[in-house]
Amino acid sequence: MQTVCVIGAGLAGCEAAWQLAENGIKVKLYEMKPKKYTPAHSYEGFAELVCSNSLKASRLDSAAGLLKEEMRMLSSLTMQSAAETFVSAGGALAVDRKLFSDYITGKINSHPNIEVISEELTEIPDGITVIATGPLTSDSLAENIAKLTGSEHLSFFDAAAPIVTADSIDMSIAFEASRYGKGEGDYVNCPMNKEEYETFYNALISAESAPLKSFDKRDFKVYEGCMPVEVMAKRGMDTLRFGPLKPVGLTDPKTSHRAWAIVQLRREDSLGTMFNLVGFQTNLKWGEQKRVFSLIPGLKNAEFVRYGVMHRNTFIDSPKLLDNRFCLKKNNNIFFAGQLTGVEGYIESAASGIYVGLNIARKLQGKAMIDLPKDTMLGALSYYISDESITDFQPMGCNMGLLPPLEQRVKDKKLRYSQIADRAINSLKECLNKA
């Protein structure tokens, strides 16, 4: 049987290799550590957690808790390690970084179907390959990925605006309309009067920014093409009103007048369950984003499923390149996994690796590949990164806004999320039983 090449021994690469190996497939796992490190890595072990040691919330009625339960159902190595190396962290699942990495490294190194090759792979090999090199992919391999996918489909910086759930927008204040009547209400508009705008403006220019990492500072000039909204605001009181918050071409149907300023929200996904704040790329701390952006009329109780970020993050334009199985559309021997695909976060990266490894194993065993249901968290993530309706693709972590709504609306958020999670677990069980 054919040997599969996996590039990168982070969470995604290790999970892909583990799924393959456990299904009897031979794997060559390439990892450039310890011979070479990225600016963010320092430990020689696999699956190194470079930022937080938390794998997010544990409760099932949360997006992260649901995704972790799905991973357990899919025999996740990450979840095995977390169960053995957890540390107390209240409602979150946190781990001892070193022990977590050591556990996974030991499992990978001792598996008879996995050959670990400690060298930097700069070219994409022939045959079935999983590219899981993460957000700090080496320059040489990134060049080859650019040749494979087209340089216009490879991004080196993540400059994203916040995203809120559709049902958390107060539509008694906001209204649907496109500027000058073009389109069919493609935007949700949050109108501001002069006093509301000035309150928001003063909060924005005094809010605290997140510190940049050393390797982000080096290239911060690249962000000029998508300037942080707080930086733009500091150029003058009316800069935003003549920029992303310009009210021209829009009439508030509730007042029949043009507002002093308008924040526009654009649909983020084909389901219309999420909206992004147009022109609001930002480097503010997440708590500050919640405080300041909740001052926007209509967003007082907004549920943020992703906050704005600005940092170095190599990722591909997945909706144009990948199918929902993380396979390259123009070459069915090439799969991507992890943050390189635009899934954001530890468990999201690991989960994508599980899905890729499982499907490649099935492919080599002559079985039909699995399409995870859209009402599961991993399925929803896979469809998000392959949703061709997304025109300005930015990385996304797991969140309840990715999932289709319940057939009957449930007002209580905790109960609603609990029912969504139950639906996902049952849906995944049914999918796996049929496989």
Protein backbone atom coordinates (compact mmCIF):
# COMPACT_ATOMS: atom_id res chain seq x y z
CA MET A 1 0.00 0.00 0.00
CA GLN A 2 1.17 3.55 -0.79
CA THR A 3 3.11 5.55 1.81
CA VAL A 4 1.65 8.97 2.65
CA CYS A 5 3.91 11.97 3.22
CA VAL A 6 2.92 14.37 6.01
CA ILE A 7 4.81 17.66 6.24
CA GLY A 8 4.86 19.19 9.71
CA ALA A 9 4.55 17.62 13.16
CA GLY A 10 2.31 20.21 14.74
CA LEU A 11 -1.14 19.30 15.99
CA ALA A 12 -2.63 18.89 12.52
CA GLY A 13 0.28 16.89 11.11
CA CYS A 14 0.45 14.58 14.13
CA GLU A 15 -3.29 13.93 14.02
CA ALA A 16 -3.21 13.18 10.28
CA ALA A 17 -0.23 10.84 10.72
CA TRP A 18 -1.90 9.13 13.70
CA GLN A 19 -5.18 8.52 11.88
CA LEU A 20 -3.33 7.07 8.91
CA ALA A 21 -1.04 4.89 11.00
CA GLU A 22 -3.87 3.58 13.17
CA ASN A 23 -5.64 2.55 9.96
CA GLY A 24 -2.63 0.56 8.77
CA ILE A 25 -1.19 3.18 6.39
CA LYS A 26 2.57 3.80 6.28
CA VAL A 27 3.52 7.43 6.92
CA LYS A 28 6.63 9.51 6.40
CA LEU A 29 6.36 12.46 8.78
CA TYR A 30 8.73 15.34 8.00
CA GLU A 31 9.54 17.80 10.79
CA MET A 32 12.32 20.39 10.56
CA LYS A 33 12.78 20.64 14.35
CA PRO A 34 15.20 20.33 16.09
CA LYS A 35 17.46 21.30 13.18
CA LYS A 36 15.48 24.46 12.46
CA TYR A 37 12.89 26.42 14.42
CA THR A 38 10.33 29.08 13.46
CA PRO A 39 10.44 32.39 15.39
CA ALA A 40 7.57 31.14 17.58
CA HIS A 41 8.85 27.67 18.46
CA SER A 42 11.43 26.69 21.06
CA TYR A 43 10.70 23.12 22.23
CA GLU A 44 11.93 20.16 20.21
CA GLY A 45 8.83 18.05 20.83
CA PHE A 46 5.91 17.65 18.44
CA ALA A 47 2.55 19.43 18.78
CA GLU A 48 4.15 22.34 20.64
CA LEU A 49 1.65 24.79 22.11
CA VAL A 50 3.28 28.15 21.40
CA CYS A 51 0.69 30.53 22.90
CA SER A 52 -1.83 29.57 25.57
CA ASN A 53 -1.82 26.15 27.21
CA SER A 54 -5.63 26.13 27.11
CA LEU A 55 -7.69 24.08 24.67
CA LYS A 56 -10.69 26.29 25.44
CA ALA A 57 -13.97 25.53 27.20
CA SER A 58 -14.88 22.02 28.32
CA ARG A 59 -18.67 22.21 28.52
CA LEU A 60 -20.50 20.50 25.67
CA ASP A 61 -22.82 23.46 25.07
CA SER A 62 -19.88 25.57 23.88
CA ALA A 63 -18.32 25.54 20.42
CA ALA A 64 -14.95 24.36 21.72
CA GLY A 65 -16.47 21.74 24.01
CA LEU A 66 -18.55 20.38 21.15
CA LEU A 67 -15.57 20.21 18.80
CA LYS A 68 -13.48 18.39 21.41
CA GLU A 69 -16.25 15.83 21.93
CA GLU A 70 -16.40 15.23 18.17
CA MET A 71 -12.62 14.78 18.19
CA ARG A 72 -12.91 12.16 20.94
CA MET A 73 -15.47 10.32 18.83
CA LEU A 74 -12.90 10.30 16.01
CA SER A 75 -10.13 8.85 18.25
CA SER A 76 -8.12 12.06 18.56
CA LEU A 77 -4.50 11.80 19.74
CA THR A 78 -4.73 15.40 20.97
CA MET A 79 -7.62 14.49 23.25
CA GLN A 80 -5.76 11.41 24.51
CA SER A 81 -2.79 13.57 25.43
CA ALA A 82 -4.97 16.24 27.03
CA ALA A 83 -6.67 13.64 29.23
CA GLU A 84 -3.26 12.48 30.49
CA THR A 85 -1.63 15.90 30.95
CA PHE A 86 -4.45 18.26 32.02
CA VAL A 87 -4.00 20.91 34.68
CA SER A 88 -6.77 22.57 36.69
CA ALA A 89 -8.25 25.56 34.85
CA GLY A 90 -11.85 25.95 35.96
CA GLY A 91 -14.21 25.43 33.04
CA ALA A 92 -11.45 25.17 30.46
CA LEU A 93 -9.33 22.21 29.38
CA ALA A 94 -5.72 23.25 29.98
CA VAL A 95 -2.61 21.07 29.80
CA ASP A 96 1.00 20.96 30.91
CA ARG A 97 2.72 22.10 27.70
CA LYS A 98 5.83 19.96 28.01
CA LEU A 99 4.03 16.80 29.11
CA PHE A 100 1.40 17.33 26.41
CA SER A 101 4.06 17.59 23.70
CA ASP A 102 6.08 14.70 25.14
CA TYR A 103 3.05 12.41 25.18
CA ILE A 104 2.26 13.04 21.51
CA THR A 105 5.92 12.87 20.50
CA GLY A 106 6.27 9.51 22.23
CA LYS A 107 3.17 8.09 20.57
CA ILE A 108 4.25 9.24 17.12
CA ASN A 109 7.87 8.08 17.45
CA SER A 110 6.88 4.65 18.73
CA HIS A 111 4.23 3.87 16.13
CA PRO A 112 5.42 1.13 13.76
CA ASN A 113 3.65 2.72 10.78
CA ILE A 114 5.24 6.15 11.18
CA GLU A 115 8.76 7.06 10.05
CA VAL A 116 9.83 10.44 11.42
CA ILE A 117 12.31 12.32 9.22
CA SER A 118 13.96 15.26 10.97
CA GLU A 119 14.65 17.62 8.11
CA GLU A 120 13.11 20.61 6.40
CA LEU A 121 11.18 19.62 3.31
CA THR A 122 11.30 22.51 0.86
CA GLU A 123 9.58 20.89 -2.10
CA ILE A 124 6.24 19.11 -2.28
CA PRO A 125 6.84 15.42 -3.06
CA ASP A 126 4.98 13.25 -5.54
CA GLY A 127 2.23 10.98 -4.26
CA ILE A 128 -0.37 11.59 -1.59
CA THR A 129 0.83 14.42 0.64
CA VAL A 130 -0.58 16.32 3.61
CA ILE A 131 0.79 19.86 3.99
CA ALA A 132 0.40 20.86 7.64
CA THR A 133 3.19 23.36 8.17
CA GLY A 134 1.24 25.94 10.12
CA PRO A 135 0.98 29.74 10.17
CA LEU A 136 4.75 30.25 10.12
CA THR A 137 5.52 28.00 7.14
CA SER A 138 9.15 28.37 6.07
CA ASP A 139 9.83 30.74 3.19
CA SER A 140 11.18 28.04 0.88
CA LEU A 141 8.18 25.76 1.27
CA ALA A 142 5.81 28.73 1.06
CA GLU A 143 7.32 29.54 -2.33
CA ASN A 144 6.51 26.04 -3.54
CA ILE A 145 3.00 26.24 -2.12
CA ALA A 146 2.58 29.52 -4.02
CA LYS A 147 3.70 27.80 -7.23
CA LEU A 148 1.23 24.98 -6.58
CA THR A 149 -1.75 27.16 -5.71
CA GLY A 150 -0.95 30.44 -7.44
CA SER A 151 0.75 33.24 -5.54
CA GLU A 152 -2.45 35.29 -5.45
CA HIS A 153 -4.01 32.60 -3.26
CA LEU A 154 -1.37 32.69 -0.53
CA SER A 155 -1.54 35.24 2.30
CA PHE A 156 1.18 36.01 4.81
CA PHE A 157 -0.78 38.31 7.10
CA ASP A 158 -4.04 37.87 8.89
CA ALA A 159 -5.81 41.22 9.01
CA ALA A 160 -9.39 40.46 9.91
CA ALA A 161 -12.41 42.37 11.14
CA PRO A 162 -14.64 41.10 13.98
CA ILE A 163 -17.58 38.82 13.19
CA VAL A 164 -20.89 38.74 15.07
CA THR A 165 -23.82 36.34 14.94
CA ALA A 166 -26.81 37.47 12.89
CA ASP A 167 -29.35 36.79 15.61
CA SER A 168 -27.48 38.95 18.13
CA ILE A 169 -27.85 42.12 16.02
CA ASP A 170 -30.65 44.37 17.25
CA MET A 171 -32.74 44.80 14.10
CA SER A 172 -35.06 47.24 15.87
CA ILE A 173 -32.13 49.67 15.43
CA ALA A 174 -30.23 48.28 12.44
CA PHE A 175 -31.69 47.96 8.95
CA GLU A 176 -30.96 46.03 5.76
CA ALA A 177 -29.99 48.03 2.68
CA SER A 178 -27.29 48.42 0.07
CA ARG A 179 -25.73 51.80 -0.69
CA TYR A 180 -27.72 53.72 -3.34
CA GLY A 181 -30.17 50.82 -3.51
CA LYS A 182 -27.73 48.58 -5.38
CA GLY A 183 -28.30 44.93 -4.52
CA GLU A 184 -31.05 43.46 -2.40
CA GLY A 185 -30.24 44.58 1.11
CA ASP A 186 -26.85 42.87 1.10
CA TYR A 187 -25.70 44.79 4.19
CA VAL A 188 -26.99 45.28 7.71
CA ASN A 189 -26.53 48.94 8.64
CA CYS A 190 -26.09 50.34 12.14
CA PRO A 191 -26.88 54.09 12.08
CA MET A 192 -25.28 56.57 14.49
CA ASN A 193 -26.32 60.09 15.39
CA LYS A 194 -23.67 62.71 16.13
CA GLU A 195 -23.58 62.04 19.88
CA GLU A 196 -23.38 58.26 19.44
CA TYR A 197 -20.59 58.63 16.90
CA GLU A 198 -18.51 60.90 19.12
CA THR A 199 -18.92 58.55 22.10
CA PHE A 200 -17.80 55.62 19.96
CA TYR A 201 -14.96 57.61 18.40
CA ASN A 202 -13.50 58.72 21.74
CA ALA A 203 -13.66 55.17 23.10
CA LEU A 204 -11.98 53.82 19.96
CA ILE A 205 -8.99 56.18 19.91
CA SER A 206 -8.30 55.63 23.62
CA ALA A 207 -8.65 51.82 23.57
CA GLU A 208 -5.65 49.60 24.29
CA SER A 209 -3.95 47.75 21.43
CA ALA A 210 -2.57 44.23 21.64
CA PRO A 211 1.25 43.99 21.74
CA LEU A 212 2.90 42.74 18.57
CA LYS A 213 5.25 39.77 18.59
CA SER A 214 8.81 40.43 17.41
CA PHE A 215 8.27 38.74 14.05
CA ASP A 216 5.10 40.79 13.49
CA LYS A 217 6.81 44.11 14.29
CA ARG A 218 9.41 43.41 11.62
CA ASP A 219 6.74 43.38 8.91
CA PHE A 220 4.08 45.68 10.36
CA LYS A 221 4.46 48.04 7.39
CA VAL A 222 2.63 45.45 5.31
CA TYR A 223 -0.55 46.28 7.18
CA GLU A 224 -0.82 49.70 5.51
CA GLY A 225 -3.05 48.13 2.86
CA CYS A 226 -5.61 47.27 5.54
CA MET A 227 -5.06 49.89 8.21
CA PRO A 228 -6.40 49.19 11.71
CA VAL A 229 -9.61 51.13 12.27
CA GLU A 230 -8.19 52.65 15.49
CA VAL A 231 -5.14 53.97 13.59
CA MET A 232 -7.36 55.46 10.88
CA ALA A 233 -9.55 57.10 13.53
CA LYS A 234 -6.57 58.88 15.09
CA ARG A 235 -6.04 60.81 11.86
CA GLY A 236 -9.04 62.96 12.68
CA MET A 237 -12.57 63.02 14.07
CA ASP A 238 -14.20 62.79 10.63
CA THR A 239 -11.80 60.33 8.97
CA LEU A 240 -14.08 57.33 9.60
CA ARG A 241 -17.17 59.31 8.55
CA PHE A 242 -15.58 59.87 5.16
CA GLY A 243 -14.19 56.34 5.07
CA PRO A 244 -15.72 53.01 6.15
CA LEU A 245 -18.48 54.72 8.18
CA LYS A 246 -19.65 57.10 5.47
CA PRO A 247 -23.48 57.38 5.53
CA VAL A 248 -23.97 58.52 1.93
CA GLY A 249 -26.37 56.50 -0.20
CA LEU A 250 -28.21 55.09 2.79
CA THR A 251 -31.49 56.25 4.32
CA ASP A 252 -32.66 54.92 7.66
CA PRO A 253 -36.23 53.68 7.01
CA LYS A 254 -37.13 54.29 10.63
CA THR A 255 -36.34 58.02 10.45
CA SER A 256 -36.36 58.62 6.66
CA HIS A 257 -33.10 60.54 7.19
CA ARG A 258 -29.43 59.94 6.52
CA ALA A 259 -27.51 59.12 9.70
CA TRP A 260 -24.42 60.99 10.91
CA ALA A 261 -22.38 57.82 10.40
CA ILE A 262 -23.15 54.18 9.58
CA VAL A 263 -21.36 50.96 10.41
CA GLN A 264 -22.04 48.35 7.74
CA LEU A 265 -22.08 44.61 8.40
CA ARG A 266 -21.58 42.23 5.51
CA ARG A 267 -22.74 38.62 5.35
CA GLU A 268 -19.84 36.32 6.18
CA ASP A 269 -21.23 32.96 5.09
CA SER A 270 -23.75 31.55 2.63
CA LEU A 271 -26.18 30.68 5.45
CA GLY A 272 -26.29 34.29 6.63
CA THR A 273 -25.69 33.30 10.25
CA MET A 274 -22.64 35.57 10.66
CA PHE A 275 -21.77 39.15 9.68
CA ASN A 276 -18.43 40.98 9.68
CA LEU A 277 -17.91 44.64 10.51
CA VAL A 278 -16.85 46.19 7.21
CA GLY A 279 -13.58 48.11 7.42
CA PHE A 280 -12.95 47.17 11.05
CA GLN A 281 -9.60 45.41 10.82
CA THR A 282 -8.12 46.04 14.22
CA ASN A 283 -5.25 45.33 16.57
CA LEU A 284 -7.16 46.18 19.75
CA LYS A 285 -7.14 43.73 22.65
CA TRP A 286 -10.14 41.43 22.51
CA GLY A 287 -11.70 42.80 25.69
CA GLU A 288 -11.37 46.30 24.28
CA GLN A 289 -13.03 45.24 21.03
CA LYS A 290 -16.01 43.91 22.96
CA ARG A 291 -16.25 47.12 25.02
CA VAL A 292 -15.82 49.60 22.18
CA PHE A 293 -17.70 47.88 19.36
CA SER A 294 -20.67 47.18 21.64
CA LEU A 295 -21.14 50.97 21.70
CA ILE A 296 -22.25 50.78 18.06
CA PRO A 297 -26.07 51.11 17.96
CA GLY A 298 -27.55 47.69 17.23
CA LEU A 299 -24.52 45.85 18.59
CA LYS A 300 -25.02 46.44 22.30
CA ASN A 301 -25.66 42.73 22.90
CA ALA A 302 -23.73 41.42 19.91
CA GLU A 303 -22.17 37.99 20.22
CA PHE A 304 -18.65 38.09 18.80
CA VAL A 305 -17.67 34.76 17.26
CA ARG A 306 -14.31 36.10 16.13
CA TYR A 307 -12.46 39.22 17.18
CA GLY A 308 -10.32 41.24 14.82
CA VAL A 309 -6.66 40.23 14.52
CA MET A 310 -3.54 41.54 12.82
CA HIS A 311 -0.49 39.29 12.84
CA ARG A 312 1.71 37.19 10.64
CA ASN A 313 -0.20 34.10 9.58
CA THR A 314 0.49 32.18 6.40
CA PHE A 315 -2.74 30.74 4.99
CA ILE A 316 -4.20 29.84 1.62
CA ASP A 317 -7.41 31.09 0.01
CA SER A 318 -9.10 27.80 0.82
CA PRO A 319 -12.57 28.50 -0.65
CA LYS A 320 -10.99 28.84 -4.09
CA LEU A 321 -8.54 25.96 -3.65
CA LEU A 322 -9.92 23.23 -1.38
CA ASP A 323 -13.00 21.06 -1.21
CA ASN A 324 -14.77 20.31 2.06
CA ARG A 325 -12.37 17.39 2.67
CA PHE A 326 -9.38 19.77 2.65
CA CYS A 327 -8.26 18.31 -0.67
CA LEU A 328 -6.76 20.52 -3.41
CA LYS A 329 -9.40 20.74 -6.11
CA LYS A 330 -6.91 20.57 -8.97
CA ASN A 331 -4.82 17.73 -7.52
CA ASN A 332 -6.56 15.02 -5.50
CA ASN A 333 -3.23 13.77 -4.12
CA ILE A 334 -2.60 17.00 -2.20
CA PHE A 335 -4.33 17.74 1.10
CA PHE A 336 -3.85 20.66 3.48
CA ALA A 337 -4.49 20.62 7.23
CA GLY A 338 -4.18 22.98 10.18
CA GLN A 339 -3.92 26.74 10.28
CA LEU A 340 -2.55 26.89 6.76
CA THR A 341 -6.13 26.18 5.62
CA GLY A 342 -7.62 29.06 7.60
CA VAL A 343 -8.92 27.14 10.60
CA GLU A 344 -7.85 29.19 13.61
CA GLY A 345 -6.79 27.59 16.88
CA TYR A 346 -5.24 24.52 18.46
CA ILE A 347 -8.21 22.19 18.46
CA GLU A 348 -9.45 23.40 15.09
CA SER A 349 -6.06 22.60 13.55
CA ALA A 350 -5.93 19.20 15.21
CA ALA A 351 -9.48 18.38 14.12
CA SER A 352 -8.73 19.20 10.49
CA GLY A 353 -5.77 16.81 10.64
CA ILE A 354 -8.03 14.04 11.97
CA TYR A 355 -10.49 14.56 9.12
CA VAL A 356 -7.75 14.57 6.48
CA GLY A 357 -6.00 11.49 7.84
CA LEU A 358 -9.26 9.57 8.16
CA ASN A 359 -10.32 10.30 4.58
CA ILE A 360 -6.93 9.53 3.04
CA ALA A 361 -6.93 6.20 4.87
CA ARG A 362 -10.38 5.41 3.53
CA LYS A 363 -9.30 6.41 0.04
CA LEU A 364 -6.32 4.05 0.14
CA GLN A 365 -8.47 1.27 1.57
CA GLY A 366 -10.87 1.57 -1.36
CA LYS A 367 -13.67 2.99 0.80
CA ALA A 368 -15.81 6.03 0.13
CA MET A 369 -14.51 9.20 1.72
CA ILE A 370 -16.63 10.79 4.45
CA ASP A 371 -18.42 14.12 4.14
CA LEU A 372 -19.08 15.25 7.68
CA PRO A 373 -22.56 16.73 8.23
CA LYS A 374 -22.84 20.51 8.18
CA ASP A 375 -24.53 20.47 11.57
CA THR A 376 -21.40 19.07 13.26
CA MET A 377 -18.73 21.54 14.34
CA LEU A 378 -15.94 19.92 12.32
CA GLY A 379 -18.26 19.56 9.35
CA ALA A 380 -19.25 23.23 9.61
CA LEU A 381 -15.58 24.28 9.72
CA SER A 382 -14.80 22.17 6.67
CA TYR A 383 -17.65 23.73 4.73
CA TYR A 384 -16.67 27.22 5.88
CA ILE A 385 -13.13 26.91 4.51
CA SER A 386 -14.54 25.61 1.20
CA ASP A 387 -17.48 28.02 0.88
CA GLU A 388 -17.00 29.61 -2.55
CA SER A 389 -19.43 32.41 -1.69
CA ILE A 390 -16.82 33.92 0.64
CA THR A 391 -15.03 36.63 -1.32
CA ASP A 392 -12.64 37.93 1.34
CA PHE A 393 -11.54 34.79 3.15
CA GLN A 394 -10.05 35.14 6.62
CA PRO A 395 -9.19 32.46 9.21
CA MET A 396 -11.95 31.27 11.53
CA GLY A 397 -12.09 29.29 14.75
CA CYS A 398 -14.94 27.10 15.92
CA ASN A 399 -18.07 28.98 16.98
CA MET A 400 -21.78 28.29 17.19
CA GLY A 401 -22.43 30.83 14.45
CA LEU A 402 -20.99 28.37 11.91
CA LEU A 403 -23.79 25.89 12.54
CA PRO A 404 -27.22 26.01 10.89
CA PRO A 405 -29.96 27.27 13.21
CA LEU A 406 -32.43 24.92 14.89
CA GLU A 407 -35.71 24.34 13.10
CA GLN A 408 -37.52 26.12 15.90
CA ARG A 409 -35.96 29.21 17.47
CA VAL A 410 -34.96 28.84 21.13
CA LYS A 411 -34.53 32.18 22.90
CA ASP A 412 -32.53 30.93 25.87
CA LYS A 413 -28.93 30.88 24.64
CA LYS A 414 -27.69 28.11 26.93
CA LEU A 415 -30.62 25.86 26.05
CA ARG A 416 -30.22 26.69 22.34
CA TYR A 417 -26.54 25.78 22.36
CA SER A 418 -27.24 22.60 24.31
CA GLN A 419 -29.77 21.49 21.69
CA ILE A 420 -27.39 22.39 18.86
CA ALA A 421 -24.64 20.32 20.51
CA ASP A 422 -26.96 17.33 21.00
CA ARG A 423 -27.97 17.54 17.35
CA ALA A 424 -24.31 17.60 16.28
CA ILE A 425 -23.33 14.59 18.38
CA ASN A 426 -26.28 12.54 17.09
CA SER A 427 -25.55 13.61 13.54
CA LEU A 428 -21.89 12.56 13.81
CA LYS A 429 -22.85 9.20 15.35
CA GLU A 430 -25.23 8.54 12.47
CA CYS A 431 -22.58 9.55 9.91
CA LEU A 432 -19.94 7.27 11.41
CA ASN A 433 -22.37 4.35 11.72
CA LYS A 434 -23.14 4.62 8.01
CA ALA A 435 -19.47 4.89 6.97
